[in-house]
Amino acid sequence: MTAHRLRSLILAACIALTVASGVFFGLFSCGGYYWHWQFHDLLELSTSTAWVVATIYIYRKTPKADRRLFPTIGLCLGFYFAIHILFFTIMASVAPFYPAPPKSLGEWWQGFLFTWQEGVPC
């Protein structure tokens, strides 16, 4: 398996994990256990770090004339932020549906904003 293919698989795993955990925490984290958050943080950090390591590996194997250091650093840093923002956006999007669906778009928006501002759905 090539490094580019492995990095693509890790990226897909990161996105799938982020979407699944965002939905889980948005719908089911009220009254949940603290270790669920710790486990999510560990998984998010592990998969994101694996992607960054694969990116650095690809960078190191690229011929020196073709290397671009600052775009690679920006890509790696941006990836950490993008995954975290995606998680909170998905969590805030589905949180208003717990324990019942919102009655209007305005009610959904209030639930979205509350979750986005507080960082937790309830």
PDB file of N, CA and C in Angstrom:
ATOM      1  N   MET A   1       0.853  -1.174   0.000  1.00  0.00           N
ATOM      2  CA  MET A   1       0.000   0.000   0.000  1.00  0.00           C
ATOM      3  C   MET A   1       0.899   1.237   0.000  1.00  0.00           C
ATOM      4  N   THR A   2       0.578   2.161  -0.867  1.00  0.00           N
ATOM      5  CA  THR A   2       1.384   3.373  -0.955  1.00  0.00           C
ATOM      6  C   THR A   2       1.035   4.318   0.188  1.00  0.00           C
ATOM      7  N   ALA A   3       1.940   5.244   0.429  1.00  0.00           N
ATOM      8  CA  ALA A   3       1.736   6.212   1.511  1.00  0.00           C
ATOM      9  C   ALA A   3       0.544   7.122   1.209  1.00  0.00           C
ATOM     10  N   HIS A   4       0.352   7.468  -0.045  1.00  0.00           N
ATOM     11  CA  HIS A   4      -0.784   8.324  -0.413  1.00  0.00           C
ATOM     12  C   HIS A   4      -2.102   7.600  -0.170  1.00  0.00           C
ATOM     13  N   ARG A   5      -2.147   6.330  -0.498  1.00  0.00           N
ATOM     14  CA  ARG A   5      -3.368   5.529  -0.281  1.00  0.00           C
ATOM     15  C   ARG A   5      -3.635   5.395   1.218  1.00  0.00           C
ATOM     16  N   LEU A   6      -2.605   5.134   1.995  1.00  0.00           N
ATOM     17  CA  LEU A   6      -2.761   5.021   3.439  1.00  0.00           C
ATOM     18  C   LEU A   6      -3.261   6.337   4.029  1.00  0.00           C
ATOM     19  N   ARG A   7      -2.705   7.442   3.572  1.00  0.00           N
ATOM     20  CA  ARG A   7      -3.146   8.744   4.070  1.00  0.00           C
ATOM     21  C   ARG A   7      -4.608   8.994   3.712  1.00  0.00           C
ATOM     22  N   SER A   8      -5.031   8.577   2.542  1.00  0.00           N
ATOM     23  CA  SER A   8      -6.433   8.729   2.146  1.00  0.00           C
ATOM     24  C   SER A   8      -7.351   7.883   3.024  1.00  0.00           C
ATOM     25  N   LEU A   9      -6.922   6.678   3.336  1.00  0.00           N
ATOM     26  CA  LEU A   9      -7.719   5.817   4.221  1.00  0.00           C
ATOM     27  C   LEU A   9      -7.802   6.401   5.628  1.00  0.00           C
ATOM     28  N   ILE A  10      -6.710   6.946   6.113  1.00  0.00           N
ATOM     29  CA  ILE A  10      -6.712   7.573   7.436  1.00  0.00           C
ATOM     30  C   ILE A  10      -7.619   8.801   7.431  1.00  0.00           C
ATOM     31  N   LEU A  11      -7.589   9.572   6.357  1.00  0.00           N
ATOM     32  CA  LEU A  11      -8.470  10.731   6.240  1.00  0.00           C
ATOM     33  C   LEU A  11      -9.933  10.301   6.275  1.00  0.00           C
ATOM     34  N   ALA A  12     -10.273   9.248   5.546  1.00  0.00           N
ATOM     35  CA  ALA A  12     -11.646   8.745   5.554  1.00  0.00           C
ATOM     36  C   ALA A  12     -12.043   8.274   6.952  1.00  0.00           C
ATOM     37  N   ALA A  13     -11.120   7.618   7.653  1.00  0.00           N
ATOM     38  CA  ALA A  13     -11.401   7.174   9.016  1.00  0.00           C
ATOM     39  C   ALA A  13     -11.599   8.363   9.953  1.00  0.00           C
ATOM     40  N   CYS A  14     -10.793   9.397   9.799  1.00  0.00           N
ATOM     41  CA  CYS A  14     -10.938  10.601  10.628  1.00  0.00           C
ATOM     42  C   CYS A  14     -12.301  11.243  10.421  1.00  0.00           C
ATOM     43  N   ILE A  15     -12.710  11.384   9.174  1.00  0.00           N
ATOM     44  CA  ILE A  15     -13.989  12.021   8.878  1.00  0.00           C
ATOM     45  C   ILE A  15     -15.145  11.163   9.369  1.00  0.00           C
ATOM     46  N   ALA A  16     -15.077   9.851   9.142  1.00  0.00           N
ATOM     47  CA  ALA A  16     -16.136   8.953   9.611  1.00  0.00           C
ATOM     48  C   ALA A  16     -16.244   8.983  11.129  1.00  0.00           C
ATOM     49  N   LEU A  17     -15.114   8.945  11.808  1.00  0.00           N
ATOM     50  CA  LEU A  17     -15.113   9.003  13.271  1.00  0.00           C
ATOM     51  C   LEU A  17     -15.684  10.332  13.752  1.00  0.00           C
ATOM     52  N   THR A  18     -15.322  11.411  13.108  1.00  0.00           N
ATOM     53  CA  THR A  18     -15.799  12.724  13.506  1.00  0.00           C
ATOM     54  C   THR A  18     -17.310  12.840  13.322  1.00  0.00           C
ATOM     55  N   VAL A  19     -17.809  12.374  12.191  1.00  0.00           N
ATOM     56  CA  VAL A  19     -19.248  12.443  11.934  1.00  0.00           C
ATOM     57  C   VAL A  19     -20.007  11.554  12.919  1.00  0.00           C
ATOM     58  N   ALA A  20     -19.546  10.313  13.099  1.00  0.00           N
ATOM     59  CA  ALA A  20     -20.229   9.396  14.004  1.00  0.00           C
ATOM     60  C   ALA A  20     -20.208   9.894  15.446  1.00  0.00           C
ATOM     61  N   SER A  21     -19.084  10.386  15.895  1.00  0.00           N
ATOM     62  CA  SER A  21     -19.018  10.865  17.275  1.00  0.00           C
ATOM     63  C   SER A  21     -19.791  12.166  17.447  1.00  0.00           C
ATOM     64  N   GLY A  22     -19.840  13.013  16.411  1.00  0.00           N
ATOM     65  CA  GLY A  22     -20.643  14.229  16.489  1.00  0.00           C
ATOM     66  C   GLY A  22     -22.120  13.908  16.637  1.00  0.00           C
ATOM     67  N   VAL A  23     -22.588  12.937  15.868  1.00  0.00           N
ATOM     68  CA  VAL A  23     -23.988  12.507  15.981  1.00  0.00           C
ATOM     69  C   VAL A  23     -24.235  11.880  17.346  1.00  0.00           C
ATOM     70  N   PHE A  24     -23.332  11.011  17.787  1.00  0.00           N
ATOM     71  CA  PHE A  24     -23.507  10.363  19.091  1.00  0.00           C
ATOM     72  C   PHE A  24     -23.579  11.384  20.222  1.00  0.00           C
ATOM     73  N   PHE A  25     -22.620  12.286  20.270  1.00  0.00           N
ATOM     74  CA  PHE A  25     -22.605  13.252  21.360  1.00  0.00           C
ATOM     75  C   PHE A  25     -23.739  14.260  21.242  1.00  0.00           C
ATOM     76  N   GLY A  26     -24.163  14.566  20.036  1.00  0.00           N
ATOM     77  CA  GLY A  26     -25.279  15.481  19.865  1.00  0.00           C
ATOM     78  C   GLY A  26     -26.590  14.889  20.342  1.00  0.00           C
ATOM     79  N   LEU A  27     -26.786  13.601  20.086  1.00  0.00           N
ATOM     80  CA  LEU A  27     -28.061  12.969  20.436  1.00  0.00           C
ATOM     81  C   LEU A  27     -28.067  12.278  21.796  1.00  0.00           C
ATOM     82  N   PHE A  28     -26.947  11.744  22.229  1.00  0.00           N
ATOM     83  CA  PHE A  28     -26.967  10.858  23.388  1.00  0.00           C
ATOM     84  C   PHE A  28     -26.043  11.237  24.530  1.00  0.00           C
ATOM     85  N   SER A  29     -25.432  12.410  24.500  1.00  0.00           N
ATOM     86  CA  SER A  29     -24.448  12.686  25.555  1.00  0.00           C
ATOM     87  C   SER A  29     -25.053  13.309  26.812  1.00  0.00           C
ATOM     88  N   CYS A  30     -26.323  13.704  26.777  1.00  0.00           N
ATOM     89  CA  CYS A  30     -26.939  14.233  27.998  1.00  0.00           C
ATOM     90  C   CYS A  30     -27.016  13.106  29.025  1.00  0.00           C
ATOM     91  N   GLY A  31     -26.400  13.318  30.159  1.00  0.00           N
ATOM     92  CA  GLY A  31     -26.357  12.277  31.183  1.00  0.00           C
ATOM     93  C   GLY A  31     -25.361  11.184  30.877  1.00  0.00           C
ATOM     94  N   GLY A  32     -24.502  11.399  29.896  1.00  0.00           N
ATOM     95  CA  GLY A  32     -23.508  10.394  29.525  1.00  0.00           C
ATOM     96  C   GLY A  32     -22.331  10.386  30.487  1.00  0.00           C
ATOM     97  N   TYR A  33     -21.391   9.548  30.198  1.00  0.00           N
ATOM     98  CA  TYR A  33     -20.227   9.396  31.050  1.00  0.00           C
ATOM     99  C   TYR A  33     -19.082  10.287  30.568  1.00  0.00           C
ATOM    100  N   TYR A  34     -18.296  10.736  31.518  1.00  0.00           N
ATOM    101  CA  TYR A  34     -17.160  11.594  31.186  1.00  0.00           C
ATOM    102  C   TYR A  34     -16.131  10.847  30.358  1.00  0.00           C
ATOM    103  N   TRP A  35     -15.992   9.551  30.606  1.00  0.00           N
ATOM    104  CA  TRP A  35     -14.992   8.798  29.870  1.00  0.00           C
ATOM    105  C   TRP A  35     -15.338   8.721  28.390  1.00  0.00           C
ATOM    106  N   HIS A  36     -16.602   8.900  28.000  1.00  0.00           N
ATOM    107  CA  HIS A  36     -16.945   8.938  26.581  1.00  0.00           C
ATOM    108  C   HIS A  36     -16.233  10.105  25.895  1.00  0.00           C
ATOM    109  N   TRP A  37     -16.235  11.263  26.569  1.00  0.00           N
ATOM    110  CA  TRP A  37     -15.539  12.434  26.009  1.00  0.00           C
ATOM    111  C   TRP A  37     -14.033  12.186  25.937  1.00  0.00           C
ATOM    112  N   GLN A  38     -13.492  11.594  26.974  1.00  0.00           N
ATOM    113  CA  GLN A  38     -12.061  11.307  26.981  1.00  0.00           C
ATOM    114  C   GLN A  38     -11.698  10.326  25.866  1.00  0.00           C
ATOM    115  N   PHE A  39     -12.546   9.314  25.690  1.00  0.00           N
ATOM    116  CA  PHE A  39     -12.304   8.321  24.644  1.00  0.00           C
ATOM    117  C   PHE A  39     -12.395   8.974  23.263  1.00  0.00           C
ATOM    118  N   HIS A  40     -13.384   9.840  23.071  1.00  0.00           N
ATOM    119  CA  HIS A  40     -13.504  10.565  21.801  1.00  0.00           C
ATOM    120  C   HIS A  40     -12.260  11.414  21.546  1.00  0.00           C
ATOM    121  N   ASP A  41     -11.821  12.157  22.555  1.00  0.00           N
ATOM    122  CA  ASP A  41     -10.628  12.998  22.401  1.00  0.00           C
ATOM    123  C   ASP A  41      -9.410  12.166  22.034  1.00  0.00           C
ATOM    124  N   LEU A  42      -9.270  11.015  22.668  1.00  0.00           N
ATOM    125  CA  LEU A  42      -8.151  10.124  22.364  1.00  0.00           C
ATOM    126  C   LEU A  42      -8.223   9.616  20.923  1.00  0.00           C
ATOM    127  N   LEU A  43      -9.404   9.188  20.487  1.00  0.00           N
ATOM    128  CA  LEU A  43      -9.550   8.704  19.114  1.00  0.00           C
ATOM    129  C   LEU A  43      -9.320   9.814  18.094  1.00  0.00           C
ATOM    130  N   GLU A  44      -9.873  10.996  18.379  1.00  0.00           N
ATOM    131  CA  GLU A  44      -9.682  12.116  17.458  1.00  0.00           C
ATOM    132  C   GLU A  44      -8.211  12.497  17.361  1.00  0.00           C
ATOM    133  N   LEU A  45      -7.547  12.556  18.487  1.00  0.00           N
ATOM    134  CA  LEU A  45      -6.127  12.899  18.494  1.00  0.00           C
ATOM    135  C   LEU A  45      -5.307  11.817  17.796  1.00  0.00           C
ATOM    136  N   SER A  46      -5.621  10.554  18.037  1.00  0.00           N
ATOM    137  CA  SER A  46      -4.860   9.453  17.432  1.00  0.00           C
ATOM    138  C   SER A  46      -5.001   9.429  15.912  1.00  0.00           C
ATOM    139  N   THR A  47      -6.232   9.515  15.430  1.00  0.00           N
ATOM    140  CA  THR A  47      -6.418   9.447  13.979  1.00  0.00           C
ATOM    141  C   THR A  47      -5.876  10.693  13.292  1.00  0.00           C
ATOM    142  N   SER A  48      -6.064  11.849  13.901  1.00  0.00           N
ATOM    143  CA  SER A  48      -5.525  13.079  13.310  1.00  0.00           C
ATOM    144  C   SER A  48      -4.007  13.047  13.278  1.00  0.00           C
ATOM    145  N   THR A  49      -3.412  12.568  14.344  1.00  0.00           N
ATOM    146  CA  THR A  49      -1.952  12.473  14.405  1.00  0.00           C
ATOM    147  C   THR A  49      -1.435  11.473  13.375  1.00  0.00           C
ATOM    148  N   ALA A  50      -2.157  10.369  13.190  1.00  0.00           N
ATOM    149  CA  ALA A  50      -1.754   9.394  12.177  1.00  0.00           C
ATOM    150  C   ALA A  50      -1.773  10.023  10.786  1.00  0.00           C
ATOM    151  N   TRP A  51      -2.788  10.849  10.515  1.00  0.00           N
ATOM    152  CA  TRP A  51      -2.849  11.526   9.217  1.00  0.00           C
ATOM    153  C   TRP A  51      -1.683  12.491   9.050  1.00  0.00           C
ATOM    154  N   VAL A  52      -1.375  13.239  10.106  1.00  0.00           N
ATOM    155  CA  VAL A  52      -0.266  14.191  10.032  1.00  0.00           C
ATOM    156  C   VAL A  52       1.063  13.452   9.850  1.00  0.00           C
ATOM    157  N   VAL A  53       1.247  12.346  10.548  1.00  0.00           N
ATOM    158  CA  VAL A  53       2.474  11.563  10.396  1.00  0.00           C
ATOM    159  C   VAL A  53       2.593  11.047   8.960  1.00  0.00           C
ATOM    160  N   ALA A  54       1.495  10.579   8.389  1.00  0.00           N
ATOM    161  CA  ALA A  54       1.527  10.113   6.998  1.00  0.00           C
ATOM    162  C   ALA A  54       1.868  11.266   6.055  1.00  0.00           C
ATOM    163  N   THR A  55       1.330  12.451   6.333  1.00  0.00           N
ATOM    164  CA  THR A  55       1.633  13.617   5.507  1.00  0.00           C
ATOM    165  C   THR A  55       3.109  13.984   5.601  1.00  0.00           C
ATOM    166  N   ILE A  56       3.652  13.947   6.793  1.00  0.00           N
ATOM    167  CA  ILE A  56       5.073  14.251   6.979  1.00  0.00           C
ATOM    168  C   ILE A  56       5.942  13.194   6.299  1.00  0.00           C
ATOM    169  N   TYR A  57       5.526  11.937   6.387  1.00  0.00           N
ATOM    170  CA  TYR A  57       6.262  10.865   5.725  1.00  0.00           C
ATOM    171  C   TYR A  57       6.304  11.097   4.206  1.00  0.00           C
ATOM    172  N   ILE A  58       5.153  11.454   3.640  1.00  0.00           N
ATOM    173  CA  ILE A  58       5.092  11.743   2.206  1.00  0.00           C
ATOM    174  C   ILE A  58       5.976  12.938   1.870  1.00  0.00           C
ATOM    175  N   TYR A  59       5.949  13.945   2.726  1.00  0.00           N
ATOM    176  CA  TYR A  59       6.788  15.132   2.529  1.00  0.00           C
ATOM    177  C   TYR A  59       8.267  14.743   2.511  1.00  0.00           C
ATOM    178  N   ARG A  60       8.654  13.896   3.451  1.00  0.00           N
ATOM    179  CA  ARG A  60      10.068  13.508   3.548  1.00  0.00           C
ATOM    180  C   ARG A  60      10.501  12.666   2.351  1.00  0.00           C
ATOM    181  N   LYS A  61       9.603  11.899   1.772  1.00  0.00           N
ATOM    182  CA  LYS A  61       9.935  11.053   0.628  1.00  0.00           C
ATOM    183  C   LYS A  61       9.864  11.818  -0.698  1.00  0.00           C
ATOM    184  N   THR A  62       9.326  13.016  -0.670  1.00  0.00           N
ATOM    185  CA  THR A  62       9.265  13.845  -1.880  1.00  0.00           C
ATOM    186  C   THR A  62      10.661  14.398  -2.168  1.00  0.00           C
ATOM    187  N   PRO A  63      11.052  14.431  -3.425  1.00  0.00           N
ATOM    188  CA  PRO A  63      12.366  15.020  -3.747  1.00  0.00           C
ATOM    189  C   PRO A  63      12.465  16.455  -3.213  1.00  0.00           C
ATOM    190  N   LYS A  64      13.649  16.826  -2.759  1.00  0.00           N
ATOM    191  CA  LYS A  64      13.834  18.138  -2.126  1.00  0.00           C
ATOM    192  C   LYS A  64      13.413  19.296  -3.025  1.00  0.00           C
ATOM    193  N   ALA A  65      13.587  19.175  -4.312  1.00  0.00           N
ATOM    194  CA  ALA A  65      13.211  20.263  -5.215  1.00  0.00           C
ATOM    195  C   ALA A  65      11.693  20.472  -5.260  1.00  0.00           C
ATOM    196  N   ASP A  66      10.940  19.438  -4.956  1.00  0.00           N
ATOM    197  CA  ASP A  66       9.472  19.520  -5.020  1.00  0.00           C
ATOM    198  C   ASP A  66       8.806  19.761  -3.665  1.00  0.00           C
ATOM    199  N   ARG A  67       9.578  19.802  -2.610  1.00  0.00           N
ATOM    200  CA  ARG A  67       9.001  19.987  -1.269  1.00  0.00           C
ATOM    201  C   ARG A  67       8.508  21.410  -1.080  1.00  0.00           C
ATOM    202  N   ARG A  68       7.391  21.531  -0.375  1.00  0.00           N
ATOM    203  CA  ARG A  68       6.855  22.844  -0.006  1.00  0.00           C
ATOM    204  C   ARG A  68       6.569  22.798   1.495  1.00  0.00           C
ATOM    205  N   LEU A  69       7.458  23.378   2.282  1.00  0.00           N
ATOM    206  CA  LEU A  69       7.385  23.262   3.733  1.00  0.00           C
ATOM    207  C   LEU A  69       6.181  23.983   4.325  1.00  0.00           C
ATOM    208  N   PHE A  70       6.024  25.260   4.034  1.00  0.00           N
ATOM    209  CA  PHE A  70       4.979  26.026   4.699  1.00  0.00           C
ATOM    210  C   PHE A  70       3.571  25.584   4.319  1.00  0.00           C
ATOM    211  N   PRO A  71       3.293  25.247   3.059  1.00  0.00           N
ATOM    212  CA  PRO A  71       1.966  24.704   2.771  1.00  0.00           C
ATOM    213  C   PRO A  71       1.707  23.381   3.498  1.00  0.00           C
ATOM    214  N   THR A  72       2.743  22.573   3.672  1.00  0.00           N
ATOM    215  CA  THR A  72       2.572  21.304   4.379  1.00  0.00           C
ATOM    216  C   THR A  72       2.275  21.546   5.855  1.00  0.00           C
ATOM    217  N   ILE A  73       2.984  22.474   6.475  1.00  0.00           N
ATOM    218  CA  ILE A  73       2.726  22.805   7.882  1.00  0.00           C
ATOM    219  C   ILE A  73       1.321  23.377   8.032  1.00  0.00           C
ATOM    220  N   GLY A  74       0.934  24.267   7.122  1.00  0.00           N
ATOM    221  CA  GLY A  74      -0.408  24.842   7.166  1.00  0.00           C
ATOM    222  C   GLY A  74      -1.484  23.794   6.983  1.00  0.00           C
ATOM    223  N   LEU A  75      -1.246  22.840   6.103  1.00  0.00           N
ATOM    224  CA  LEU A  75      -2.188  21.752   5.882  1.00  0.00           C
ATOM    225  C   LEU A  75      -2.359  20.917   7.141  1.00  0.00           C
ATOM    226  N   CYS A  76      -1.268  20.599   7.802  1.00  0.00           N
ATOM    227  CA  CYS A  76      -1.332  19.781   9.017  1.00  0.00           C
ATOM    228  C   CYS A  76      -2.044  20.516  10.158  1.00  0.00           C
ATOM    229  N   LEU A  77      -1.703  21.768  10.361  1.00  0.00           N
ATOM    230  CA  LEU A  77      -2.365  22.542  11.417  1.00  0.00           C
ATOM    231  C   LEU A  77      -3.842  22.777  11.092  1.00  0.00           C
ATOM    232  N   GLY A  78      -4.116  23.092   9.850  1.00  0.00           N
ATOM    233  CA  GLY A  78      -5.498  23.302   9.442  1.00  0.00           C
ATOM    234  C   GLY A  78      -6.340  22.051   9.599  1.00  0.00           C
ATOM    235  N   PHE A  79      -5.728  20.898   9.385  1.00  0.00           N
ATOM    236  CA  PHE A  79      -6.449  19.637   9.516  1.00  0.00           C
ATOM    237  C   PHE A  79      -6.939  19.421  10.940  1.00  0.00           C
ATOM    238  N   TYR A  80      -6.062  19.685  11.934  1.00  0.00           N
ATOM    239  CA  TYR A  80      -6.475  19.530  13.335  1.00  0.00           C
ATOM    240  C   TYR A  80      -7.685  20.417  13.644  1.00  0.00           C
ATOM    241  N   PHE A  81      -7.631  21.662  13.198  1.00  0.00           N
ATOM    242  CA  PHE A  81      -8.741  22.586  13.465  1.00  0.00           C
ATOM    243  C   PHE A  81     -10.001  22.180  12.704  1.00  0.00           C
ATOM    244  N   ALA A  82      -9.850  21.766  11.451  1.00  0.00           N
ATOM    245  CA  ALA A  82     -11.011  21.412  10.633  1.00  0.00           C
ATOM    246  C   ALA A  82     -11.755  20.202  11.200  1.00  0.00           C
ATOM    247  N   ILE A  83     -11.022  19.208  11.660  1.00  0.00           N
ATOM    248  CA  ILE A  83     -11.667  18.024  12.234  1.00  0.00           C
ATOM    249  C   ILE A  83     -12.436  18.407  13.494  1.00  0.00           C
ATOM    250  N   HIS A  84     -11.837  19.237  14.326  1.00  0.00           N
ATOM    251  CA  HIS A  84     -12.502  19.648  15.569  1.00  0.00           C
ATOM    252  C   HIS A  84     -13.729  20.510  15.279  1.00  0.00           C
ATOM    253  N   ILE A  85     -13.638  21.410  14.334  1.00  0.00           N
ATOM    254  CA  ILE A  85     -14.781  22.253  13.977  1.00  0.00           C
ATOM    255  C   ILE A  85     -15.890  21.410  13.343  1.00  0.00           C
ATOM    256  N   LEU A  86     -15.529  20.440  12.521  1.00  0.00           N
ATOM    257  CA  LEU A  86     -16.525  19.538  11.937  1.00  0.00           C
ATOM    258  C   LEU A  86     -17.274  18.787  13.035  1.00  0.00           C
ATOM    259  N   PHE A  87     -16.555  18.301  14.038  1.00  0.00           N
ATOM    260  CA  PHE A  87     -17.196  17.588  15.155  1.00  0.00           C
ATOM    261  C   PHE A  87     -18.221  18.488  15.848  1.00  0.00           C
ATOM    262  N   PHE A  88     -17.826  19.701  16.199  1.00  0.00           N
ATOM    263  CA  PHE A  88     -18.751  20.593  16.908  1.00  0.00           C
ATOM    264  C   PHE A  88     -19.919  21.016  16.020  1.00  0.00           C
ATOM    265  N   THR A  89     -19.698  21.194  14.739  1.00  0.00           N
ATOM    266  CA  THR A  89     -20.784  21.568  13.842  1.00  0.00           C
ATOM    267  C   THR A  89     -21.814  20.452  13.735  1.00  0.00           C
ATOM    268  N   ILE A  90     -21.367  19.238  13.596  1.00  0.00           N
ATOM    269  CA  ILE A  90     -22.291  18.107  13.510  1.00  0.00           C
ATOM    270  C   ILE A  90     -23.005  17.902  14.831  1.00  0.00           C
ATOM    271  N   MET A  91     -22.279  17.989  15.932  1.00  0.00           N
ATOM    272  CA  MET A  91     -22.905  17.826  17.243  1.00  0.00           C
ATOM    273  C   MET A  91     -23.971  18.893  17.451  1.00  0.00           C
ATOM    274  N   ALA A  92     -23.665  20.139  17.115  1.00  0.00           N
ATOM    275  CA  ALA A  92     -24.628  21.223  17.287  1.00  0.00           C
ATOM    276  C   ALA A  92     -25.807  21.080  16.329  1.00  0.00           C
ATOM    277  N   SER A  93     -25.590  20.481  15.177  1.00  0.00           N
ATOM    278  CA  SER A  93     -26.665  20.312  14.195  1.00  0.00           C
ATOM    279  C   SER A  93     -27.689  19.273  14.628  1.00  0.00           C
ATOM    280  N   VAL A  94     -27.235  18.214  15.283  1.00  0.00           N
ATOM    281  CA  VAL A  94     -28.170  17.148  15.662  1.00  0.00           C
ATOM    282  C   VAL A  94     -28.666  17.279  17.095  1.00  0.00           C
ATOM    283  N   ALA A  95     -27.996  18.061  17.920  1.00  0.00           N
ATOM    284  CA  ALA A  95     -28.390  18.183  19.332  1.00  0.00           C
ATOM    285  C   ALA A  95     -29.814  18.685  19.525  1.00  0.00           C
ATOM    286  N   PRO A  96     -30.338  19.603  18.719  1.00  0.00           N
ATOM    287  CA  PRO A  96     -31.713  20.049  18.929  1.00  0.00           C
ATOM    288  C   PRO A  96     -32.763  18.941  18.750  1.00  0.00           C
ATOM    289  N   PHE A  97     -32.376  17.804  18.192  1.00  0.00           N
ATOM    290  CA  PHE A  97     -33.309  16.697  17.991  1.00  0.00           C
ATOM    291  C   PHE A  97     -33.445  15.810  19.224  1.00  0.00           C
ATOM    292  N   TYR A  98     -32.732  16.114  20.291  1.00  0.00           N
ATOM    293  CA  TYR A  98     -32.847  15.350  21.539  1.00  0.00           C
ATOM    294  C   TYR A  98     -33.609  16.189  22.545  1.00  0.00           C
ATOM    295  N   PRO A  99     -34.567  15.719  23.227  1.00  0.00           N
ATOM    296  CA  PRO A  99     -35.218  14.410  23.220  1.00  0.00           C
ATOM    297  C   PRO A  99     -36.319  14.279  22.179  1.00  0.00           C
ATOM    298  N   ALA A 100     -36.681  15.389  21.517  1.00  0.00           N
ATOM    299  CA  ALA A 100     -37.701  15.345  20.468  1.00  0.00           C
ATOM    300  C   ALA A 100     -37.284  16.321  19.368  1.00  0.00           C
ATOM    301  N   PRO A 101     -37.771  16.095  18.158  1.00  0.00           N
ATOM    302  CA  PRO A 101     -37.403  17.010  17.074  1.00  0.00           C
ATOM    303  C   PRO A 101     -37.903  18.434  17.348  1.00  0.00           C
ATOM    304  N   PRO A 102     -37.178  19.421  16.888  1.00  0.00           N
ATOM    305  CA  PRO A 102     -37.634  20.802  17.086  1.00  0.00           C
ATOM    306  C   PRO A 102     -38.914  21.063  16.288  1.00  0.00           C
ATOM    307  N   LYS A 103     -39.722  21.977  16.807  1.00  0.00           N
ATOM    308  CA  LYS A 103     -41.008  22.271  16.175  1.00  0.00           C
ATOM    309  C   LYS A 103     -40.879  23.255  15.017  1.00  0.00           C
ATOM    310  N   SER A 104     -39.788  23.982  14.956  1.00  0.00           N
ATOM    311  CA  SER A 104     -39.605  24.969  13.894  1.00  0.00           C
ATOM    312  C   SER A 104     -38.116  25.131  13.610  1.00  0.00           C
ATOM    313  N   LEU A 105     -37.843  25.816  12.525  1.00  0.00           N
ATOM    314  CA  LEU A 105     -36.454  26.102  12.176  1.00  0.00           C
ATOM    315  C   LEU A 105     -35.829  27.026  13.212  1.00  0.00           C
ATOM    316  N   GLY A 106     -36.616  27.958  13.745  1.00  0.00           N
ATOM    317  CA  GLY A 106     -36.116  28.860  14.783  1.00  0.00           C
ATOM    318  C   GLY A 106     -35.729  28.120  16.055  1.00  0.00           C
ATOM    319  N   GLU A 107     -36.522  27.132  16.424  1.00  0.00           N
ATOM    320  CA  GLU A 107     -36.195  26.324  17.611  1.00  0.00           C
ATOM    321  C   GLU A 107     -34.935  25.512  17.374  1.00  0.00           C
ATOM    322  N   TRP A 108     -34.810  24.969  16.155  1.00  0.00           N
ATOM    323  CA  TRP A 108     -33.587  24.232  15.831  1.00  0.00           C
ATOM    324  C   TRP A 108     -32.377  25.170  15.907  1.00  0.00           C
ATOM    325  N   TRP A 109     -32.519  26.377  15.370  1.00  0.00           N
ATOM    326  CA  TRP A 109     -31.428  27.346  15.372  1.00  0.00           C
ATOM    327  C   TRP A 109     -31.013  27.703  16.792  1.00  0.00           C
ATOM    328  N   GLN A 110     -31.976  27.880  17.691  1.00  0.00           N
ATOM    329  CA  GLN A 110     -31.652  28.177  19.094  1.00  0.00           C
ATOM    330  C   GLN A 110     -30.880  27.025  19.720  1.00  0.00           C
ATOM    331  N   GLY A 111     -31.316  25.793  19.449  1.00  0.00           N
ATOM    332  CA  GLY A 111     -30.593  24.628  19.963  1.00  0.00           C
ATOM    333  C   GLY A 111     -29.202  24.519  19.381  1.00  0.00           C
ATOM    334  N   PHE A 112     -29.071  24.823  18.086  1.00  0.00           N
ATOM    335  CA  PHE A 112     -27.765  24.805  17.436  1.00  0.00           C
ATOM    336  C   PHE A 112     -26.827  25.818  18.083  1.00  0.00           C
ATOM    337  N   LEU A 113     -27.317  27.052  18.239  1.00  0.00           N
ATOM    338  CA  LEU A 113     -26.483  28.101  18.835  1.00  0.00           C
ATOM    339  C   LEU A 113     -26.106  27.783  20.274  1.00  0.00           C
ATOM    340  N   PHE A 114     -27.046  27.237  21.041  1.00  0.00           N
ATOM    341  CA  PHE A 114     -26.739  26.886  22.426  1.00  0.00           C
ATOM    342  C   PHE A 114     -25.613  25.855  22.467  1.00  0.00           C
ATOM    343  N   THR A 115     -25.745  24.811  21.656  1.00  0.00           N
ATOM    344  CA  THR A 115     -24.721  23.765  21.651  1.00  0.00           C
ATOM    345  C   THR A 115     -23.390  24.306  21.153  1.00  0.00           C
ATOM    346  N   TRP A 116     -23.422  25.122  20.132  1.00  0.00           N
ATOM    347  CA  TRP A 116     -22.190  25.700  19.578  1.00  0.00           C
ATOM    348  C   TRP A 116     -21.490  26.576  20.604  1.00  0.00           C
ATOM    349  N   GLN A 117     -22.253  27.381  21.348  1.00  0.00           N
ATOM    350  CA  GLN A 117     -21.659  28.300  22.323  1.00  0.00           C
ATOM    351  C   GLN A 117     -21.195  27.578  23.571  1.00  0.00           C
ATOM    352  N   GLU A 118     -21.974  26.631  24.048  1.00  0.00           N
ATOM    353  CA  GLU A 118     -21.640  25.935  25.294  1.00  0.00           C
ATOM    354  C   GLU A 118     -20.668  24.778  25.095  1.00  0.00           C
ATOM    355  N   GLY A 119     -20.639  24.212  23.902  1.00  0.00           N
ATOM    356  CA  GLY A 119     -19.751  23.076  23.639  1.00  0.00           C
ATOM    357  C   GLY A 119     -20.321  21.741  24.052  1.00  0.00           C
ATOM    358  N   VAL A 120     -21.515  21.776  24.632  1.00  0.00           N
ATOM    359  CA  VAL A 120     -22.228  20.549  25.019  1.00  0.00           C
ATOM    360  C   VAL A 120     -23.696  20.730  24.670  1.00  0.00           C
ATOM    361  N   PRO A 121     -24.389  19.637  24.359  1.00  0.00           N
ATOM    362  CA  PRO A 121     -25.771  19.778  23.932  1.00  0.00           C
ATOM    363  C   PRO A 121     -26.769  20.090  25.035  1.00  0.00           C
ATOM    364  N   CYS A 122     -26.438  19.839  26.274  1.00  0.00           N
ATOM    365  CA  CYS A 122     -27.398  20.137  27.342  1.00  0.00           C
ATOM    366  C   CYS A 122     -26.674  20.596  28.601  1.00  0.00           C
TER     367      CYS A 122
END
